[in-house]
Amino acid sequence: MSRDWCGVTPQGIRLAVHIVPNASKSEIIGVLEDALKIRLQAQAIEGKANEALIRFVADVLNVPKNAVRLTHGHAARRKLLEVACDLSVDTVRSRLQSFAQNR
């Protein structure tokens, strides 16, 4: 059984993401296996892609940038994020997936 890409933690919401850096624009592609696939218009050097990921997710979810924290996968394409927010899992999932469909 694969783990869901969006779940609840004591701090808020956990997101499993798969990053593709150096894209022509930042966008959400959709769910790939057990992670949300995101293309980022940032290079994977000196933490630029991680910073862009945090900023992008915060913008899409309409939460402060400091509410999004990278917890695992700092140097990998597969990453885990925690979003400290009062949003429900369904709301987060809906916002991220509708963003993917509207781009």
PDB file of N, CA and C in Angstrom:
ATOM      1  N   MET A   1       0.842  -1.184   0.000  1.00  0.00           N
ATOM      2  CA  MET A   1       0.000   0.000   0.000  1.00  0.00           C
ATOM      3  C   MET A   1       0.883   1.242   0.000  1.00  0.00           C
ATOM      4  N   SER A   2       0.686   2.126  -0.947  1.00  0.00           N
ATOM      5  CA  SER A   2       1.505   3.333  -0.997  1.00  0.00           C
ATOM      6  C   SER A   2       0.951   4.387  -0.058  1.00  0.00           C
ATOM      7  N   ARG A   3       1.840   5.195   0.438  1.00  0.00           N
ATOM      8  CA  ARG A   3       1.468   6.252   1.359  1.00  0.00           C
ATOM      9  C   ARG A   3       0.854   7.414   0.591  1.00  0.00           C
ATOM     10  N   ASP A   4      -0.135   8.049   1.189  1.00  0.00           N
ATOM     11  CA  ASP A   4      -0.783   9.186   0.559  1.00  0.00           C
ATOM     12  C   ASP A   4       0.170  10.372   0.533  1.00  0.00           C
ATOM     13  N   TRP A   5       0.105  11.173  -0.503  1.00  0.00           N
ATOM     14  CA  TRP A   5       1.013  12.317  -0.653  1.00  0.00           C
ATOM     15  C   TRP A   5       0.628  13.491   0.235  1.00  0.00           C
ATOM     16  N   CYS A   6      -0.571  13.484   0.793  1.00  0.00           N
ATOM     17  CA  CYS A   6      -1.055  14.592   1.607  1.00  0.00           C
ATOM     18  C   CYS A   6      -1.693  14.017   2.872  1.00  0.00           C
ATOM     19  N   GLY A   7      -1.150  14.383   4.037  1.00  0.00           N
ATOM     20  CA  GLY A   7      -1.672  13.831   5.280  1.00  0.00           C
ATOM     21  C   GLY A   7      -1.563  14.811   6.444  1.00  0.00           C
ATOM     22  N   VAL A   8      -2.144  14.419   7.563  1.00  0.00           N
ATOM     23  CA  VAL A   8      -2.165  15.267   8.752  1.00  0.00           C
ATOM     24  C   VAL A   8      -0.984  14.939   9.660  1.00  0.00           C
ATOM     25  N   THR A   9      -0.373  15.986  10.237  1.00  0.00           N
ATOM     26  CA  THR A   9       0.651  15.835  11.271  1.00  0.00           C
ATOM     27  C   THR A   9       0.217  16.688  12.459  1.00  0.00           C
ATOM     28  N   PRO A  10       0.855  16.515  13.609  1.00  0.00           N
ATOM     29  CA  PRO A  10       0.518  17.381  14.743  1.00  0.00           C
ATOM     30  C   PRO A  10       0.738  18.869  14.447  1.00  0.00           C
ATOM     31  N   GLN A  11       1.645  19.187  13.511  1.00  0.00           N
ATOM     32  CA  GLN A  11       1.945  20.577  13.176  1.00  0.00           C
ATOM     33  C   GLN A  11       1.033  21.141  12.087  1.00  0.00           C
ATOM     34  N   GLY A  12       0.327  20.288  11.372  1.00  0.00           N
ATOM     35  CA  GLY A  12      -0.519  20.755  10.270  1.00  0.00           C
ATOM     36  C   GLY A  12      -0.674  19.702   9.205  1.00  0.00           C
ATOM     37  N   ILE A  13      -0.114  19.965   8.023  1.00  0.00           N
ATOM     38  CA  ILE A  13      -0.254  19.077   6.870  1.00  0.00           C
ATOM     39  C   ILE A  13       1.122  18.656   6.363  1.00  0.00           C
ATOM     40  N   ARG A  14       1.259  17.373   6.017  1.00  0.00           N
ATOM     41  CA  ARG A  14       2.492  16.852   5.432  1.00  0.00           C
ATOM     42  C   ARG A  14       2.261  16.630   3.952  1.00  0.00           C
ATOM     43  N   LEU A  15       3.202  17.068   3.129  1.00  0.00           N
ATOM     44  CA  LEU A  15       3.131  16.885   1.685  1.00  0.00           C
ATOM     45  C   LEU A  15       4.361  16.135   1.199  1.00  0.00           C
ATOM     46  N   ALA A  16       4.155  15.096   0.424  1.00  0.00           N
ATOM     47  CA  ALA A  16       5.253  14.401  -0.247  1.00  0.00           C
ATOM     48  C   ALA A  16       5.278  14.926  -1.674  1.00  0.00           C
ATOM     49  N   VAL A  17       6.426  15.449  -2.090  1.00  0.00           N
ATOM     50  CA  VAL A  17       6.541  16.046  -3.421  1.00  0.00           C
ATOM     51  C   VAL A  17       7.720  15.455  -4.175  1.00  0.00           C
ATOM     52  N   HIS A  18       7.609  15.477  -5.490  1.00  0.00           N
ATOM     53  CA  HIS A  18       8.688  15.075  -6.388  1.00  0.00           C
ATOM     54  C   HIS A  18       8.987  16.297  -7.247  1.00  0.00           C
ATOM     55  N   ILE A  19      10.203  16.792  -7.159  1.00  0.00           N
ATOM     56  CA  ILE A  19      10.586  18.048  -7.790  1.00  0.00           C
ATOM     57  C   ILE A  19      11.344  17.818  -9.096  1.00  0.00           C
ATOM     58  N   VAL A  20      11.021  18.635 -10.080  1.00  0.00           N
ATOM     59  CA  VAL A  20      11.780  18.680 -11.328  1.00  0.00           C
ATOM     60  C   VAL A  20      12.296  20.117 -11.462  1.00  0.00           C
ATOM     61  N   PRO A  21      13.581  20.343 -11.172  1.00  0.00           N
ATOM     62  CA  PRO A  21      14.129  21.703 -11.266  1.00  0.00           C
ATOM     63  C   PRO A  21      14.410  22.108 -12.711  1.00  0.00           C
ATOM     64  N   ASN A  22      14.776  23.380 -12.891  1.00  0.00           N
ATOM     65  CA  ASN A  22      15.165  23.936 -14.191  1.00  0.00           C
ATOM     66  C   ASN A  22      14.049  23.901 -15.232  1.00  0.00           C
ATOM     67  N   ALA A  23      12.802  24.030 -14.789  1.00  0.00           N
ATOM     68  CA  ALA A  23      11.675  24.052 -15.721  1.00  0.00           C
ATOM     69  C   ALA A  23      11.503  25.452 -16.299  1.00  0.00           C
ATOM     70  N   SER A  24      10.764  25.548 -17.389  1.00  0.00           N
ATOM     71  CA  SER A  24      10.529  26.854 -18.005  1.00  0.00           C
ATOM     72  C   SER A  24       9.624  27.725 -17.133  1.00  0.00           C
ATOM     73  N   LYS A  25       8.757  27.076 -16.325  1.00  0.00           N
ATOM     74  CA  LYS A  25       7.941  27.804 -15.354  1.00  0.00           C
ATOM     75  C   LYS A  25       7.606  26.871 -14.190  1.00  0.00           C
ATOM     76  N   SER A  26       7.282  27.455 -13.055  1.00  0.00           N
ATOM     77  CA  SER A  26       6.892  26.655 -11.895  1.00  0.00           C
ATOM     78  C   SER A  26       5.431  26.260 -12.036  1.00  0.00           C
ATOM     79  N   GLU A  27       5.176  24.955 -11.885  1.00  0.00           N
ATOM     80  CA  GLU A  27       3.809  24.452 -12.036  1.00  0.00           C
ATOM     81  C   GLU A  27       3.652  23.097 -11.373  1.00  0.00           C
ATOM     82  N   ILE A  28       2.418  22.779 -11.044  1.00  0.00           N
ATOM     83  CA  ILE A  28       2.094  21.471 -10.485  1.00  0.00           C
ATOM     84  C   ILE A  28       1.630  20.593 -11.641  1.00  0.00           C
ATOM     85  N   ILE A  29       2.258  19.440 -11.769  1.00  0.00           N
ATOM     86  CA  ILE A  29       1.928  18.507 -12.848  1.00  0.00           C
ATOM     87  C   ILE A  29       0.771  17.606 -12.431  1.00  0.00           C
ATOM     88  N   GLY A  30       0.790  17.135 -11.197  1.00  0.00           N
ATOM     89  CA  GLY A  30      -0.239  16.237 -10.693  1.00  0.00           C
ATOM     90  C   GLY A  30       0.384  15.203  -9.784  1.00  0.00           C
ATOM     91  N   VAL A  31      -0.406  14.215  -9.410  1.00  0.00           N
ATOM     92  CA  VAL A  31       0.073  13.178  -8.503  1.00  0.00           C
ATOM     93  C   VAL A  31       0.777  12.089  -9.299  1.00  0.00           C
ATOM     94  N   LEU A  32       1.991  11.763  -8.866  1.00  0.00           N
ATOM     95  CA  LEU A  32       2.802  10.719  -9.480  1.00  0.00           C
ATOM     96  C   LEU A  32       3.088   9.690  -8.399  1.00  0.00           C
ATOM     97  N   GLU A  33       2.469   8.510  -8.505  1.00  0.00           N
ATOM     98  CA  GLU A  33       2.587   7.465  -7.484  1.00  0.00           C
ATOM     99  C   GLU A  33       2.166   8.027  -6.135  1.00  0.00           C
ATOM    100  N   ASP A  34       3.100   8.208  -5.198  1.00  0.00           N
ATOM    101  CA  ASP A  34       2.733   8.671  -3.857  1.00  0.00           C
ATOM    102  C   ASP A  34       3.273  10.069  -3.562  1.00  0.00           C
ATOM    103  N   ALA A  35       3.453  10.888  -4.606  1.00  0.00           N
ATOM    104  CA  ALA A  35       3.967  12.245  -4.412  1.00  0.00           C
ATOM    105  C   ALA A  35       3.335  13.197  -5.426  1.00  0.00           C
ATOM    106  N   LEU A  36       3.270  14.458  -5.042  1.00  0.00           N
ATOM    107  CA  LEU A  36       2.794  15.502  -5.933  1.00  0.00           C
ATOM    108  C   LEU A  36       3.980  15.978  -6.766  1.00  0.00           C
ATOM    109  N   LYS A  37       3.865  15.893  -8.087  1.00  0.00           N
ATOM    110  CA  LYS A  37       4.969  16.277  -8.958  1.00  0.00           C
ATOM    111  C   LYS A  37       4.875  17.770  -9.259  1.00  0.00           C
ATOM    112  N   ILE A  38       5.980  18.480  -8.993  1.00  0.00           N
ATOM    113  CA  ILE A  38       6.048  19.925  -9.188  1.00  0.00           C
ATOM    114  C   ILE A  38       7.278  20.265 -10.013  1.00  0.00           C
ATOM    115  N   ARG A  39       7.073  21.045 -11.065  1.00  0.00           N
ATOM    116  CA  ARG A  39       8.198  21.599 -11.835  1.00  0.00           C
ATOM    117  C   ARG A  39       8.512  22.964 -11.262  1.00  0.00           C
ATOM    118  N   LEU A  40       9.796  23.241 -11.095  1.00  0.00           N
ATOM    119  CA  LEU A  40      10.220  24.520 -10.532  1.00  0.00           C
ATOM    120  C   LEU A  40      11.126  25.274 -11.486  1.00  0.00           C
ATOM    121  N   GLN A  41      10.869  26.565 -11.602  1.00  0.00           N
ATOM    122  CA  GLN A  41      11.712  27.428 -12.421  1.00  0.00           C
ATOM    123  C   GLN A  41      12.870  27.913 -11.545  1.00  0.00           C
ATOM    124  N   ALA A  42      13.677  26.969 -11.106  1.00  0.00           N
ATOM    125  CA  ALA A  42      14.830  27.267 -10.259  1.00  0.00           C
ATOM    126  C   ALA A  42      15.850  26.159 -10.440  1.00  0.00           C
ATOM    127  N   GLN A  43      17.112  26.517 -10.271  1.00  0.00           N
ATOM    128  CA  GLN A  43      18.175  25.526 -10.383  1.00  0.00           C
ATOM    129  C   GLN A  43      18.335  24.779  -9.063  1.00  0.00           C
ATOM    130  N   ALA A  44      18.791  23.549  -9.167  1.00  0.00           N
ATOM    131  CA  ALA A  44      18.997  22.712  -7.990  1.00  0.00           C
ATOM    132  C   ALA A  44      20.401  22.916  -7.426  1.00  0.00           C
ATOM    133  N   ILE A  45      20.787  24.173  -7.230  1.00  0.00           N
ATOM    134  CA  ILE A  45      22.086  24.479  -6.629  1.00  0.00           C
ATOM    135  C   ILE A  45      21.899  25.475  -5.497  1.00  0.00           C
ATOM    136  N   GLU A  46      22.727  25.328  -4.488  1.00  0.00           N
ATOM    137  CA  GLU A  46      22.763  26.253  -3.355  1.00  0.00           C
ATOM    138  C   GLU A  46      21.394  26.482  -2.723  1.00  0.00           C
ATOM    139  N   GLY A  47      20.540  25.469  -2.734  1.00  0.00           N
ATOM    140  CA  GLY A  47      19.242  25.573  -2.084  1.00  0.00           C
ATOM    141  C   GLY A  47      18.207  26.399  -2.825  1.00  0.00           C
ATOM    142  N   LYS A  48      18.514  26.812  -4.055  1.00  0.00           N
ATOM    143  CA  LYS A  48      17.577  27.654  -4.808  1.00  0.00           C
ATOM    144  C   LYS A  48      16.268  26.941  -5.104  1.00  0.00           C
ATOM    145  N   ALA A  49      16.322  25.659  -5.465  1.00  0.00           N
ATOM    146  CA  ALA A  49      15.097  24.911  -5.754  1.00  0.00           C
ATOM    147  C   ALA A  49      14.271  24.725  -4.479  1.00  0.00           C
ATOM    148  N   ASN A  50      14.936  24.481  -3.350  1.00  0.00           N
ATOM    149  CA  ASN A  50      14.205  24.329  -2.088  1.00  0.00           C
ATOM    150  C   ASN A  50      13.495  25.626  -1.702  1.00  0.00           C
ATOM    151  N   GLU A  51      14.181  26.744  -1.862  1.00  0.00           N
ATOM    152  CA  GLU A  51      13.577  28.047  -1.568  1.00  0.00           C
ATOM    153  C   GLU A  51      12.396  28.307  -2.494  1.00  0.00           C
ATOM    154  N   ALA A  52      12.568  28.000  -3.769  1.00  0.00           N
ATOM    155  CA  ALA A  52      11.493  28.202  -4.742  1.00  0.00           C
ATOM    156  C   ALA A  52      10.301  27.305  -4.428  1.00  0.00           C
ATOM    157  N   LEU A  53      10.571  26.071  -4.001  1.00  0.00           N
ATOM    158  CA  LEU A  53       9.506  25.140  -3.637  1.00  0.00           C
ATOM    159  C   LEU A  53       8.685  25.686  -2.473  1.00  0.00           C
ATOM    160  N   ILE A  54       9.353  26.130  -1.436  1.00  0.00           N
ATOM    161  CA  ILE A  54       8.663  26.669  -0.259  1.00  0.00           C
ATOM    162  C   ILE A  54       7.819  27.883  -0.648  1.00  0.00           C
ATOM    163  N   ARG A  55       8.390  28.781  -1.412  1.00  0.00           N
ATOM    164  CA  ARG A  55       7.672  29.986  -1.847  1.00  0.00           C
ATOM    165  C   ARG A  55       6.464  29.613  -2.713  1.00  0.00           C
ATOM    166  N   PHE A  56       6.653  28.672  -3.625  1.00  0.00           N
ATOM    167  CA  PHE A  56       5.590  28.247  -4.543  1.00  0.00           C
ATOM    168  C   PHE A  56       4.426  27.604  -3.784  1.00  0.00           C
ATOM    169  N   VAL A  57       4.730  26.663  -2.899  1.00  0.00           N
ATOM    170  CA  VAL A  57       3.679  25.981  -2.129  1.00  0.00           C
ATOM    171  C   VAL A  57       2.945  26.975  -1.226  1.00  0.00           C
ATOM    172  N   ALA A  58       3.673  27.871  -0.597  1.00  0.00           N
ATOM    173  CA  ALA A  58       3.041  28.889   0.253  1.00  0.00           C
ATOM    174  C   ALA A  58       2.090  29.756  -0.566  1.00  0.00           C
ATOM    175  N   ASP A  59       2.512  30.147  -1.756  1.00  0.00           N
ATOM    176  CA  ASP A  59       1.660  30.970  -2.624  1.00  0.00           C
ATOM    177  C   ASP A  59       0.393  30.229  -3.039  1.00  0.00           C
ATOM    178  N   VAL A  60       0.541  28.980  -3.460  1.00  0.00           N
ATOM    179  CA  VAL A  60      -0.609  28.192  -3.915  1.00  0.00           C
ATOM    180  C   VAL A  60      -1.604  27.979  -2.773  1.00  0.00           C
ATOM    181  N   LEU A  61      -1.083  27.701  -1.567  1.00  0.00           N
ATOM    182  CA  LEU A  61      -1.965  27.444  -0.422  1.00  0.00           C
ATOM    183  C   LEU A  61      -2.405  28.722   0.291  1.00  0.00           C
ATOM    184  N   ASN A  62      -1.839  29.854  -0.131  1.00  0.00           N
ATOM    185  CA  ASN A  62      -2.164  31.142   0.481  1.00  0.00           C
ATOM    186  C   ASN A  62      -1.857  31.147   1.986  1.00  0.00           C
ATOM    187  N   VAL A  63      -0.647  30.680   2.318  1.00  0.00           N
ATOM    188  CA  VAL A  63      -0.166  30.697   3.706  1.00  0.00           C
ATOM    189  C   VAL A  63       1.166  31.449   3.717  1.00  0.00           C
ATOM    190  N   PRO A  64       1.594  31.937   4.885  1.00  0.00           N
ATOM    191  CA  PRO A  64       2.900  32.612   4.947  1.00  0.00           C
ATOM    192  C   PRO A  64       4.032  31.657   4.580  1.00  0.00           C
ATOM    193  N   LYS A  65       5.075  32.194   3.983  1.00  0.00           N
ATOM    194  CA  LYS A  65       6.224  31.376   3.574  1.00  0.00           C
ATOM    195  C   LYS A  65       6.831  30.636   4.766  1.00  0.00           C
ATOM    196  N   ASN A  66       6.839  31.280   5.939  1.00  0.00           N
ATOM    197  CA  ASN A  66       7.435  30.624   7.104  1.00  0.00           C
ATOM    198  C   ASN A  66       6.551  29.513   7.674  1.00  0.00           C
ATOM    199  N   ALA A  67       5.357  29.309   7.119  1.00  0.00           N
ATOM    200  CA  ALA A  67       4.492  28.206   7.537  1.00  0.00           C
ATOM    201  C   ALA A  67       4.870  26.899   6.835  1.00  0.00           C
ATOM    202  N   VAL A  68       5.680  27.003   5.781  1.00  0.00           N
ATOM    203  CA  VAL A  68       6.086  25.823   5.007  1.00  0.00           C
ATOM    204  C   VAL A  68       7.528  25.485   5.352  1.00  0.00           C
ATOM    205  N   ARG A  69       7.735  24.226   5.762  1.00  0.00           N
ATOM    206  CA  ARG A  69       9.074  23.794   6.193  1.00  0.00           C
ATOM    207  C   ARG A  69       9.446  22.496   5.490  1.00  0.00           C
ATOM    208  N   LEU A  70      10.650  22.472   4.942  1.00  0.00           N
ATOM    209  CA  LEU A  70      11.191  21.269   4.309  1.00  0.00           C
ATOM    210  C   LEU A  70      11.776  20.388   5.408  1.00  0.00           C
ATOM    211  N   THR A  71      11.223  19.181   5.573  1.00  0.00           N
ATOM    212  CA  THR A  71      11.673  18.312   6.670  1.00  0.00           C
ATOM    213  C   THR A  71      12.590  17.185   6.219  1.00  0.00           C
ATOM    214  N   HIS A  72      12.426  16.702   4.992  1.00  0.00           N
ATOM    215  CA  HIS A  72      13.251  15.602   4.477  1.00  0.00           C
ATOM    216  C   HIS A  72      13.523  15.814   2.995  1.00  0.00           C
ATOM    217  N   GLY A  73      14.706  15.374   2.559  1.00  0.00           N
ATOM    218  CA  GLY A  73      15.040  15.393   1.138  1.00  0.00           C
ATOM    219  C   GLY A  73      15.653  16.686   0.654  1.00  0.00           C
ATOM    220  N   HIS A  74      16.419  17.348   1.502  1.00  0.00           N
ATOM    221  CA  HIS A  74      17.016  18.630   1.118  1.00  0.00           C
ATOM    222  C   HIS A  74      17.824  18.549  -0.167  1.00  0.00           C
ATOM    223  N   ALA A  75      18.487  17.427  -0.419  1.00  0.00           N
ATOM    224  CA  ALA A  75      19.325  17.289  -1.612  1.00  0.00           C
ATOM    225  C   ALA A  75      18.758  16.274  -2.606  1.00  0.00           C
ATOM    226  N   ALA A  76      17.501  15.878  -2.421  1.00  0.00           N
ATOM    227  CA  ALA A  76      16.882  14.873  -3.293  1.00  0.00           C
ATOM    228  C   ALA A  76      15.712  15.474  -4.062  1.00  0.00           C
ATOM    229  N   ARG A  77      15.272  14.764  -5.072  1.00  0.00           N
ATOM    230  CA  ARG A  77      14.083  15.218  -5.800  1.00  0.00           C
ATOM    231  C   ARG A  77      12.816  14.919  -5.016  1.00  0.00           C
ATOM    232  N   ARG A  78      12.840  13.836  -4.237  1.00  0.00           N
ATOM    233  CA  ARG A  78      11.710  13.492  -3.377  1.00  0.00           C
ATOM    234  C   ARG A  78      11.878  14.244  -2.070  1.00  0.00           C
ATOM    235  N   LYS A  79      10.858  14.984  -1.672  1.00  0.00           N
ATOM    236  CA  LYS A  79      10.946  15.806  -0.467  1.00  0.00           C
ATOM    237  C   LYS A  79       9.673  15.682   0.353  1.00  0.00           C
ATOM    238  N   LEU A  80       9.807  15.932   1.646  1.00  0.00           N
ATOM    239  CA  LEU A  80       8.644  16.021   2.527  1.00  0.00           C
ATOM    240  C   LEU A  80       8.570  17.439   3.063  1.00  0.00           C
ATOM    241  N   LEU A  81       7.385  18.016   2.977  1.00  0.00           N
ATOM    242  CA  LEU A  81       7.136  19.350   3.512  1.00  0.00           C
ATOM    243  C   LEU A  81       6.120  19.255   4.626  1.00  0.00           C
ATOM    244  N   GLU A  82       6.233  20.142   5.609  1.00  0.00           N
ATOM    245  CA  GLU A  82       5.185  20.312   6.613  1.00  0.00           C
ATOM    246  C   GLU A  82       4.668  21.723   6.490  1.00  0.00           C
ATOM    247  N   VAL A  83       3.354  21.844   6.456  1.00  0.00           N
ATOM    248  CA  VAL A  83       2.714  23.148   6.356  1.00  0.00           C
ATOM    249  C   VAL A  83       1.943  23.383   7.650  1.00  0.00           C
ATOM    250  N   ALA A  84       2.394  24.361   8.421  1.00  0.00           N
ATOM    251  CA  ALA A  84       1.720  24.714   9.669  1.00  0.00           C
ATOM    252  C   ALA A  84       0.544  25.620   9.320  1.00  0.00           C
ATOM    253  N   CYS A  85      -0.669  25.053   9.357  1.00  0.00           N
ATOM    254  CA  CYS A  85      -1.847  25.824   8.971  1.00  0.00           C
ATOM    255  C   CYS A  85      -3.098  25.210   9.585  1.00  0.00           C
ATOM    256  N   ASP A  86      -4.182  25.940   9.486  1.00  0.00           N
ATOM    257  CA  ASP A  86      -5.473  25.454   9.977  1.00  0.00           C
ATOM    258  C   ASP A  86      -6.309  24.843   8.869  1.00  0.00           C
ATOM    259  N   LEU A  87      -5.718  24.667   7.700  1.00  0.00           N
ATOM    260  CA  LEU A  87      -6.443  24.102   6.568  1.00  0.00           C
ATOM    261  C   LEU A  87      -6.616  22.597   6.742  1.00  0.00           C
ATOM    262  N   SER A  88      -7.706  22.072   6.246  1.00  0.00           N
ATOM    263  CA  SER A  88      -7.927  20.629   6.286  1.00  0.00           C
ATOM    264  C   SER A  88      -7.144  19.957   5.161  1.00  0.00           C
ATOM    265  N   VAL A  89      -6.952  18.666   5.289  1.00  0.00           N
ATOM    266  CA  VAL A  89      -6.271  17.898   4.242  1.00  0.00           C
ATOM    267  C   VAL A  89      -7.038  18.033   2.932  1.00  0.00           C
ATOM    268  N   ASP A  90      -8.362  17.963   3.006  1.00  0.00           N
ATOM    269  CA  ASP A  90      -9.182  18.072   1.800  1.00  0.00           C
ATOM    270  C   ASP A  90      -9.002  19.428   1.116  1.00  0.00           C
ATOM    271  N   THR A  91      -8.918  20.500   1.905  1.00  0.00           N
ATOM    272  CA  THR A  91      -8.733  21.837   1.349  1.00  0.00           C
ATOM    273  C   THR A  91      -7.369  21.952   0.673  1.00  0.00           C
ATOM    274  N   VAL A  92      -6.325  21.469   1.350  1.00  0.00           N
ATOM    275  CA  VAL A  92      -4.968  21.514   0.781  1.00  0.00           C
ATOM    276  C   VAL A  92      -4.911  20.703  -0.500  1.00  0.00           C
ATOM    277  N   ARG A  93      -5.448  19.498  -0.457  1.00  0.00           N
ATOM    278  CA  ARG A  93      -5.446  18.624  -1.641  1.00  0.00           C
ATOM    279  C   ARG A  93      -6.204  19.305  -2.793  1.00  0.00           C
ATOM    280  N   SER A  94      -7.345  19.876  -2.500  1.00  0.00           N
ATOM    281  CA  SER A  94      -8.168  20.536  -3.503  1.00  0.00           C
ATOM    282  C   SER A  94      -7.448  21.736  -4.125  1.00  0.00           C
ATOM    283  N   ARG A  95      -6.828  22.576  -3.303  1.00  0.00           N
ATOM    284  CA  ARG A  95      -6.123  23.754  -3.819  1.00  0.00           C
ATOM    285  C   ARG A  95      -4.966  23.354  -4.724  1.00  0.00           C
ATOM    286  N   LEU A  96      -4.189  22.365  -4.285  1.00  0.00           N
ATOM    287  CA  LEU A  96      -3.032  21.947  -5.072  1.00  0.00           C
ATOM    288  C   LEU A  96      -3.461  21.283  -6.384  1.00  0.00           C
ATOM    289  N   GLN A  97      -4.460  20.418  -6.319  1.00  0.00           N
ATOM    290  CA  GLN A  97      -4.897  19.720  -7.530  1.00  0.00           C
ATOM    291  C   GLN A  97      -5.620  20.655  -8.495  1.00  0.00           C
ATOM    292  N   SER A  98      -6.392  21.606  -7.979  1.00  0.00           N
ATOM    293  CA  SER A  98      -7.080  22.537  -8.885  1.00  0.00           C
ATOM    294  C   SER A  98      -6.056  23.472  -9.526  1.00  0.00           C
ATOM    295  N   PHE A  99      -4.991  23.806  -8.818  1.00  0.00           N
ATOM    296  CA  PHE A  99      -3.921  24.621  -9.387  1.00  0.00           C
ATOM    297  C   PHE A  99      -3.281  23.870 -10.562  1.00  0.00           C
ATOM    298  N   ALA A 100      -3.127  22.577 -10.406  1.00  0.00           N
ATOM    299  CA  ALA A 100      -2.539  21.762 -11.486  1.00  0.00           C
ATOM    300  C   ALA A 100      -3.453  21.744 -12.698  1.00  0.00           C
ATOM    301  N   GLN A 101      -4.749  21.652 -12.474  1.00  0.00           N
ATOM    302  CA  GLN A 101      -5.700  21.544 -13.594  1.00  0.00           C
ATOM    303  C   GLN A 101      -5.888  22.883 -14.309  1.00  0.00           C
ATOM    304  N   ASN A 102      -5.675  23.985 -13.602  1.00  0.00           N
ATOM    305  CA  ASN A 102      -5.913  25.301 -14.201  1.00  0.00           C
ATOM    306  C   ASN A 102      -4.706  25.883 -14.901  1.00  0.00           C
ATOM    307  N   ARG A 103      -3.619  25.182 -14.968  1.00  0.00           N
ATOM    308  CA  ARG A 103      -2.410  25.736 -15.592  1.00  0.00           C
ATOM    309  C   ARG A 103      -2.152  25.083 -16.913  1.00  0.00           C
TER     310      ARG A 103
END
